[in-house]
């Protein structure tokens, strides 16, 4: 599995950050005008974290992981 540039780790705040410029799911970041709902970066961050969480827990015989963001890669090394 590849964690792309849409999810980054900010070392100064020690938090995960969503990067809208590198997120290419048009329907995933689109606001719901019919219901008057607008999605900010924190809303989409929860959505993206959930997607990656589901994908990481679905491996039957293991999961290979590649992280594009160097800071996030270093953060994950503490846990894997």
PDB file of N, CA and C in Angstrom:
ATOM      1  N   UNK A   1       0.834  -1.161   0.000  1.00  0.00           N
ATOM      2  CA  UNK A   1       0.000   0.000   0.000  1.00  0.00           C
ATOM      3  C   UNK A   1       0.889   1.237   0.000  1.00  0.00           C
ATOM      4  N   UNK A   2       0.459   2.250  -0.676  1.00  0.00           N
ATOM      5  CA  UNK A   2       1.201   3.508  -0.761  1.00  0.00           C
ATOM      6  C   UNK A   2       0.399   4.599  -0.076  1.00  0.00           C
ATOM      7  N   UNK A   3       1.023   5.268   0.871  1.00  0.00           N
ATOM      8  CA  UNK A   3       0.419   6.469   1.450  1.00  0.00           C
ATOM      9  C   UNK A   3       1.011   7.636   0.693  1.00  0.00           C
ATOM     10  N   UNK A   4       0.168   8.287  -0.075  1.00  0.00           N
ATOM     11  CA  UNK A   4       0.617   9.339  -0.978  1.00  0.00           C
ATOM     12  C   UNK A   4       0.892  10.655  -0.284  1.00  0.00           C
ATOM     13  N   UNK A   5       1.039  11.679  -1.089  1.00  0.00           N
ATOM     14  CA  UNK A   5       1.382  13.005  -0.583  1.00  0.00           C
ATOM     15  C   UNK A   5       0.182  13.748  -0.005  1.00  0.00           C
ATOM     16  N   UNK A   6      -0.988  13.120  -0.040  1.00  0.00           N
ATOM     17  CA  UNK A   6      -2.165  13.771   0.542  1.00  0.00           C
ATOM     18  C   UNK A   6      -2.137  13.754   2.064  1.00  0.00           C
ATOM     19  N   UNK A   7      -1.360  12.855   2.646  1.00  0.00           N
ATOM     20  CA  UNK A   7      -1.232  12.766   4.097  1.00  0.00           C
ATOM     21  C   UNK A   7       0.222  13.023   4.472  1.00  0.00           C
ATOM     22  N   UNK A   8       0.443  14.056   5.264  1.00  0.00           N
ATOM     23  CA  UNK A   8       1.794  14.438   5.681  1.00  0.00           C
ATOM     24  C   UNK A   8       1.860  14.502   7.197  1.00  0.00           C
ATOM     25  N   UNK A   9       3.070  14.554   7.720  1.00  0.00           N
ATOM     26  CA  UNK A   9       3.294  14.734   9.144  1.00  0.00           C
ATOM     27  C   UNK A   9       4.042  16.030   9.336  1.00  0.00           C
ATOM     28  N   UNK A  10       3.502  16.912  10.181  1.00  0.00           N
ATOM     29  CA  UNK A  10       4.147  18.193  10.477  1.00  0.00           C
ATOM     30  C   UNK A  10       4.972  18.027  11.748  1.00  0.00           C
ATOM     31  N   UNK A  11       6.309  18.055  11.655  1.00  0.00           N
ATOM     32  CA  UNK A  11       7.141  17.816  12.836  1.00  0.00           C
ATOM     33  C   UNK A  11       7.063  18.936  13.873  1.00  0.00           C
ATOM     34  N   UNK A  12       6.695  20.146  13.469  1.00  0.00           N
ATOM     35  CA  UNK A  12       6.624  21.235  14.441  1.00  0.00           C
ATOM     36  C   UNK A  12       5.408  21.102  15.350  1.00  0.00           C
ATOM     37  N   UNK A  13       4.269  20.681  14.784  1.00  0.00           N
ATOM     38  CA  UNK A  13       3.058  20.519  15.591  1.00  0.00           C
ATOM     39  C   UNK A  13       2.848  19.072  16.029  1.00  0.00           C
ATOM     40  N   UNK A  14       3.642  18.147  15.465  1.00  0.00           N
ATOM     41  CA  UNK A  14       3.520  16.717  15.774  1.00  0.00           C
ATOM     42  C   UNK A  14       2.132  16.185  15.447  1.00  0.00           C
ATOM     43  N   UNK A  15       1.581  16.635  14.309  1.00  0.00           N
ATOM     44  CA  UNK A  15       0.243  16.212  13.905  1.00  0.00           C
ATOM     45  C   UNK A  15       0.232  15.813  12.434  1.00  0.00           C
ATOM     46  N   UNK A  16      -0.735  14.959  12.097  1.00  0.00           N
ATOM     47  CA  UNK A  16      -0.970  14.627  10.702  1.00  0.00           C
ATOM     48  C   UNK A  16      -1.668  15.793  10.033  1.00  0.00           C
ATOM     49  N   UNK A  17      -1.297  16.039   8.777  1.00  0.00           N
ATOM     50  CA  UNK A  17      -1.834  17.163   8.029  1.00  0.00           C
ATOM     51  C   UNK A  17      -2.349  16.654   6.694  1.00  0.00           C
ATOM     52  N   UNK A  18      -3.506  17.132   6.296  1.00  0.00           N
ATOM     53  CA  UNK A  18      -4.071  16.802   4.997  1.00  0.00           C
ATOM     54  C   UNK A  18      -3.629  17.848   3.999  1.00  0.00           C
ATOM     55  N   UNK A  19      -3.165  17.407   2.828  1.00  0.00           N
ATOM     56  CA  UNK A  19      -2.730  18.316   1.771  1.00  0.00           C
ATOM     57  C   UNK A  19      -3.702  18.212   0.607  1.00  0.00           C
ATOM     58  N   UNK A  20      -4.580  19.190   0.484  1.00  0.00           N
ATOM     59  CA  UNK A  20      -5.632  19.193  -0.524  1.00  0.00           C
ATOM     60  C   UNK A  20      -5.061  19.220  -1.950  1.00  0.00           C
ATOM     61  N   UNK A  21      -3.899  19.816  -2.126  1.00  0.00           N
ATOM     62  CA  UNK A  21      -3.300  19.916  -3.461  1.00  0.00           C
ATOM     63  C   UNK A  21      -2.908  18.550  -4.019  1.00  0.00           C
ATOM     64  N   UNK A  22      -2.693  17.566  -3.149  1.00  0.00           N
ATOM     65  CA  UNK A  22      -2.274  16.237  -3.588  1.00  0.00           C
ATOM     66  C   UNK A  22      -3.359  15.186  -3.402  1.00  0.00           C
ATOM     67  N   UNK A  23      -4.589  15.627  -3.225  1.00  0.00           N
ATOM     68  CA  UNK A  23      -5.716  14.715  -3.066  1.00  0.00           C
ATOM     69  C   UNK A  23      -6.552  14.801  -4.336  1.00  0.00           C
ATOM     70  N   UNK A  24      -6.693  13.694  -5.047  1.00  0.00           N
ATOM     71  CA  UNK A  24      -7.273  13.747  -6.387  1.00  0.00           C
ATOM     72  C   UNK A  24      -8.640  13.094  -6.502  1.00  0.00           C
ATOM     73  N   UNK A  25      -9.277  12.743  -5.395  1.00  0.00           N
ATOM     74  CA  UNK A  25     -10.632  12.214  -5.440  1.00  0.00           C
ATOM     75  C   UNK A  25     -11.594  13.398  -5.476  1.00  0.00           C
ATOM     76  N   UNK A  26     -12.102  13.714  -6.654  1.00  0.00           N
ATOM     77  CA  UNK A  26     -12.946  14.895  -6.823  1.00  0.00           C
ATOM     78  C   UNK A  26     -14.209  14.811  -5.978  1.00  0.00           C
ATOM     79  N   UNK A  27     -14.833  13.658  -5.907  1.00  0.00           N
ATOM     80  CA  UNK A  27     -16.050  13.502  -5.110  1.00  0.00           C
ATOM     81  C   UNK A  27     -15.741  13.498  -3.616  1.00  0.00           C
ATOM     82  N   UNK A  28     -14.550  13.087  -3.241  1.00  0.00           N
ATOM     83  CA  UNK A  28     -14.188  13.028  -1.830  1.00  0.00           C
ATOM     84  C   UNK A  28     -14.000  14.387  -1.193  1.00  0.00           C
ATOM     85  N   UNK A  29     -13.599  15.389  -1.978  1.00  0.00           N
ATOM     86  CA  UNK A  29     -13.380  16.716  -1.398  1.00  0.00           C
ATOM     87  C   UNK A  29     -14.443  17.726  -1.834  1.00  0.00           C
ATOM     88  N   UNK A  30     -15.459  17.249  -2.516  1.00  0.00           N
ATOM     89  CA  UNK A  30     -16.518  18.125  -3.006  1.00  0.00           C
ATOM     90  C   UNK A  30     -17.503  18.449  -1.881  1.00  0.00           C
ATOM     91  N   UNK A  31     -17.910  19.719  -1.785  1.00  0.00           N
ATOM     92  CA  UNK A  31     -18.895  20.125  -0.788  1.00  0.00           C
ATOM     93  C   UNK A  31     -20.281  19.645  -1.200  1.00  0.00           C
ATOM     94  N   UNK A  32     -21.149  19.456  -0.236  1.00  0.00           N
ATOM     95  CA  UNK A  32     -22.515  19.022  -0.496  1.00  0.00           C
ATOM     96  C   UNK A  32     -23.409  20.254  -0.496  1.00  0.00           C
ATOM     97  N   UNK A  33     -23.612  20.827  -1.665  1.00  0.00           N
ATOM     98  CA  UNK A  33     -24.390  22.068  -1.774  1.00  0.00           C
ATOM     99  C   UNK A  33     -25.865  21.847  -1.494  1.00  0.00           C
ATOM    100  N   UNK A  34     -26.376  20.670  -1.814  1.00  0.00           N
ATOM    101  CA  UNK A  34     -27.798  20.396  -1.601  1.00  0.00           C
ATOM    102  C   UNK A  34     -28.143  20.458  -0.110  1.00  0.00           C
ATOM    103  N   UNK A  35     -27.248  20.012   0.735  1.00  0.00           N
ATOM    104  CA  UNK A  35     -27.484  20.049   2.184  1.00  0.00           C
ATOM    105  C   UNK A  35     -26.813  21.224   2.873  1.00  0.00           C
ATOM    106  N   UNK A  36     -26.085  22.018   2.114  1.00  0.00           N
ATOM    107  CA  UNK A  36     -25.404  23.171   2.688  1.00  0.00           C
ATOM    108  C   UNK A  36     -24.208  22.810   3.541  1.00  0.00           C
ATOM    109  N   UNK A  37     -23.553  21.688   3.225  1.00  0.00           N
ATOM    110  CA  UNK A  37     -22.398  21.225   3.998  1.00  0.00           C
ATOM    111  C   UNK A  37     -21.119  21.559   3.243  1.00  0.00           C
ATOM    112  N   UNK A  38     -20.192  22.177   3.948  1.00  0.00           N
ATOM    113  CA  UNK A  38     -18.869  22.424   3.380  1.00  0.00           C
ATOM    114  C   UNK A  38     -17.851  21.637   4.200  1.00  0.00           C
ATOM    115  N   UNK A  39     -16.884  21.080   3.520  1.00  0.00           N
ATOM    116  CA  UNK A  39     -15.865  20.266   4.167  1.00  0.00           C
ATOM    117  C   UNK A  39     -14.556  21.036   4.211  1.00  0.00           C
ATOM    118  N   UNK A  40     -14.011  21.203   5.404  1.00  0.00           N
ATOM    119  CA  UNK A  40     -12.696  21.824   5.527  1.00  0.00           C
ATOM    120  C   UNK A  40     -11.633  20.732   5.565  1.00  0.00           C
ATOM    121  N   UNK A  41     -10.392  21.126   5.694  1.00  0.00           N
ATOM    122  CA  UNK A  41      -9.293  20.160   5.651  1.00  0.00           C
ATOM    123  C   UNK A  41      -9.338  19.167   6.813  1.00  0.00           C
ATOM    124  N   UNK A  42      -9.828  19.586   7.971  1.00  0.00           N
ATOM    125  CA  UNK A  42      -9.922  18.657   9.108  1.00  0.00           C
ATOM    126  C   UNK A  42     -10.964  17.572   8.857  1.00  0.00           C
ATOM    127  N   UNK A  43     -12.074  17.936   8.206  1.00  0.00           N
ATOM    128  CA  UNK A  43     -13.093  16.939   7.871  1.00  0.00           C
ATOM    129  C   UNK A  43     -12.537  15.908   6.900  1.00  0.00           C
ATOM    130  N   UNK A  44     -11.840  16.385   5.889  1.00  0.00           N
ATOM    131  CA  UNK A  44     -11.290  15.468   4.890  1.00  0.00           C
ATOM    132  C   UNK A  44     -10.136  14.660   5.481  1.00  0.00           C
ATOM    133  N   UNK A  45      -9.396  15.240   6.435  1.00  0.00           N
ATOM    134  CA  UNK A  45      -8.331  14.491   7.112  1.00  0.00           C
ATOM    135  C   UNK A  45      -8.914  13.278   7.834  1.00  0.00           C
ATOM    136  N   UNK A  46     -10.032  13.444   8.518  1.00  0.00           N
ATOM    137  CA  UNK A  46     -10.674  12.302   9.176  1.00  0.00           C
ATOM    138  C   UNK A  46     -11.084  11.249   8.156  1.00  0.00           C
ATOM    139  N   UNK A  47     -11.594  11.690   7.016  1.00  0.00           N
ATOM    140  CA  UNK A  47     -12.001  10.789   5.946  1.00  0.00           C
ATOM    141  C   UNK A  47     -10.794  10.016   5.402  1.00  0.00           C
ATOM    142  N   UNK A  48      -9.706  10.708   5.122  1.00  0.00           N
ATOM    143  CA  UNK A  48      -8.497  10.086   4.566  1.00  0.00           C
ATOM    144  C   UNK A  48      -7.861   9.137   5.581  1.00  0.00           C
ATOM    145  N   UNK A  49      -7.810   9.538   6.846  1.00  0.00           N
ATOM    146  CA  UNK A  49      -7.259   8.651   7.878  1.00  0.00           C
ATOM    147  C   UNK A  49      -8.070   7.371   7.988  1.00  0.00           C
ATOM    148  N   UNK A  50      -9.372   7.479   7.865  1.00  0.00           N
ATOM    149  CA  UNK A  50     -10.229   6.303   7.917  1.00  0.00           C
ATOM    150  C   UNK A  50      -9.961   5.388   6.715  1.00  0.00           C
ATOM    151  N   UNK A  51      -9.793   5.968   5.550  1.00  0.00           N
ATOM    152  CA  UNK A  51      -9.501   5.173   4.350  1.00  0.00           C
ATOM    153  C   UNK A  51      -8.211   4.381   4.539  1.00  0.00           C
ATOM    154  N   UNK A  52      -7.143   5.070   4.967  1.00  0.00           N
ATOM    155  CA  UNK A  52      -5.864   4.385   5.154  1.00  0.00           C
ATOM    156  C   UNK A  52      -5.948   3.357   6.278  1.00  0.00           C
ATOM    157  N   UNK A  53      -6.691   3.649   7.321  1.00  0.00           N
ATOM    158  CA  UNK A  53      -6.852   2.704   8.420  1.00  0.00           C
ATOM    159  C   UNK A  53      -7.517   1.416   7.948  1.00  0.00           C
ATOM    160  N   UNK A  54      -8.558   1.555   7.162  1.00  0.00           N
ATOM    161  CA  UNK A  54      -9.248   0.372   6.636  1.00  0.00           C
ATOM    162  C   UNK A  54      -8.317  -0.426   5.735  1.00  0.00           C
ATOM    163  N   UNK A  55      -7.605   0.251   4.857  1.00  0.00           N
ATOM    164  CA  UNK A  55      -6.713  -0.454   3.936  1.00  0.00           C
ATOM    165  C   UNK A  55      -5.573  -1.161   4.672  1.00  0.00           C
ATOM    166  N   UNK A  56      -5.052  -0.540   5.727  1.00  0.00           N
ATOM    167  CA  UNK A  56      -3.944  -1.142   6.473  1.00  0.00           C
ATOM    168  C   UNK A  56      -4.372  -2.360   7.282  1.00  0.00           C
ATOM    169  N   UNK A  57      -5.633  -2.462   7.623  1.00  0.00           N
ATOM    170  CA  UNK A  57      -6.090  -3.584   8.436  1.00  0.00           C
ATOM    171  C   UNK A  57      -6.694  -4.710   7.603  1.00  0.00           C
ATOM    172  N   UNK A  58      -6.634  -4.626   6.295  1.00  0.00           N
ATOM    173  CA  UNK A  58      -7.246  -5.639   5.444  1.00  0.00           C
ATOM    174  C   UNK A  58      -6.272  -6.680   4.923  1.00  0.00           C
ATOM    175  N   UNK A  59      -4.993  -6.545   5.221  1.00  0.00           N
ATOM    176  CA  UNK A  59      -4.010  -7.494   4.721  1.00  0.00           C
ATOM    177  C   UNK A  59      -4.161  -8.857   5.371  1.00  0.00           C
ATOM    178  N   UNK A  60      -4.292  -9.895   4.564  1.00  0.00           N
ATOM    179  CA  UNK A  60      -4.456 -11.245   5.089  1.00  0.00           C
ATOM    180  C   UNK A  60      -3.119 -11.876   5.462  1.00  0.00           C
ATOM    181  N   UNK A  61      -2.127 -11.694   4.635  1.00  0.00           N
ATOM    182  CA  UNK A  61      -0.817 -12.294   4.882  1.00  0.00           C
ATOM    183  C   UNK A  61       0.243 -11.231   5.157  1.00  0.00           C
ATOM    184  N   UNK A  62      -0.200 -10.027   5.455  1.00  0.00           N
ATOM    185  CA  UNK A  62       0.717  -8.925   5.699  1.00  0.00           C
ATOM    186  C   UNK A  62       0.471  -7.805   4.718  1.00  0.00           C
ATOM    187  N   UNK A  63       1.034  -6.685   5.018  1.00  0.00           N
ATOM    188  CA  UNK A  63       0.863  -5.509   4.177  1.00  0.00           C
ATOM    189  C   UNK A  63       2.211  -4.833   4.014  1.00  0.00           C
ATOM    190  N   UNK A  64       2.580  -4.553   2.789  1.00  0.00           N
ATOM    191  CA  UNK A  64       3.764  -3.756   2.516  1.00  0.00           C
ATOM    192  C   UNK A  64       3.324  -2.301   2.477  1.00  0.00           C
ATOM    193  N   UNK A  65       4.122  -1.444   3.075  1.00  0.00           N
ATOM    194  CA  UNK A  65       3.751  -0.045   3.195  1.00  0.00           C
ATOM    195  C   UNK A  65       4.872   0.827   2.660  1.00  0.00           C
ATOM    196  N   UNK A  66       4.505   1.762   1.795  1.00  0.00           N
ATOM    197  CA  UNK A  66       5.439   2.776   1.325  1.00  0.00           C
ATOM    198  C   UNK A  66       4.816   4.130   1.599  1.00  0.00           C
ATOM    199  N   UNK A  67       5.590   5.020   2.228  1.00  0.00           N
ATOM    200  CA  UNK A  67       5.101   6.346   2.592  1.00  0.00           C
ATOM    201  C   UNK A  67       5.895   7.374   1.801  1.00  0.00           C
ATOM    202  N   UNK A  68       5.203   8.208   1.041  1.00  0.00           N
ATOM    203  CA  UNK A  68       5.872   9.201   0.191  1.00  0.00           C
ATOM    204  C   UNK A  68       6.502  10.338   0.995  1.00  0.00           C
ATOM    205  N   UNK A  69       5.831  10.799   2.041  1.00  0.00           N
ATOM    206  CA  UNK A  69       6.329  11.913   2.842  1.00  0.00           C
ATOM    207  C   UNK A  69       7.405  11.419   3.813  1.00  0.00           C
ATOM    208  N   UNK A  70       8.593  12.001   3.740  1.00  0.00           N
ATOM    209  CA  UNK A  70       9.720  11.559   4.563  1.00  0.00           C
ATOM    210  C   UNK A  70       9.436  11.731   6.056  1.00  0.00           C
ATOM    211  N   UNK A  71       8.825  12.824   6.436  1.00  0.00           N
ATOM    212  CA  UNK A  71       8.518  13.063   7.854  1.00  0.00           C
ATOM    213  C   UNK A  71       7.533  12.024   8.383  1.00  0.00           C
ATOM    214  N   UNK A  72       6.530  11.702   7.579  1.00  0.00           N
ATOM    215  CA  UNK A  72       5.543  10.694   7.980  1.00  0.00           C
ATOM    216  C   UNK A  72       6.188   9.314   8.041  1.00  0.00           C
ATOM    217  N   UNK A  73       7.110   9.047   7.136  1.00  0.00           N
ATOM    218  CA  UNK A  73       7.828   7.776   7.148  1.00  0.00           C
ATOM    219  C   UNK A  73       8.618   7.617   8.454  1.00  0.00           C
ATOM    220  N   UNK A  74       9.288   8.682   8.882  1.00  0.00           N
ATOM    221  CA  UNK A  74      10.038   8.640  10.139  1.00  0.00           C
ATOM    222  C   UNK A  74       9.097   8.469  11.329  1.00  0.00           C
ATOM    223  N   UNK A  75       7.946   9.092  11.279  1.00  0.00           N
ATOM    224  CA  UNK A  75       6.952   8.961  12.350  1.00  0.00           C
ATOM    225  C   UNK A  75       6.463   7.514  12.455  1.00  0.00           C
ATOM    226  N   UNK A  76       6.179   6.889  11.325  1.00  0.00           N
ATOM    227  CA  UNK A  76       5.682   5.513  11.317  1.00  0.00           C
ATOM    228  C   UNK A  76       6.740   4.504  11.764  1.00  0.00           C
ATOM    229  N   UNK A  77       8.010   4.821  11.576  1.00  0.00           N
ATOM    230  CA  UNK A  77       9.078   3.892  11.988  1.00  0.00           C
ATOM    231  C   UNK A  77       9.061   3.634  13.483  1.00  0.00           C
ATOM    232  N   UNK A  78       8.502   4.546  14.249  1.00  0.00           N
ATOM    233  CA  UNK A  78       8.399   4.323  15.694  1.00  0.00           C
ATOM    234  C   UNK A  78       7.427   3.197  16.016  1.00  0.00           C
ATOM    235  N   UNK A  79       6.480   2.956  15.126  1.00  0.00           N
ATOM    236  CA  UNK A  79       5.404   2.005  15.387  1.00  0.00           C
ATOM    237  C   UNK A  79       5.514   0.712  14.605  1.00  0.00           C
ATOM    238  N   UNK A  80       6.280   0.697  13.524  1.00  0.00           N
ATOM    239  CA  UNK A  80       6.403  -0.509  12.710  1.00  0.00           C
ATOM    240  C   UNK A  80       7.819  -1.040  12.788  1.00  0.00           C
TER     241      UNK A  80
END
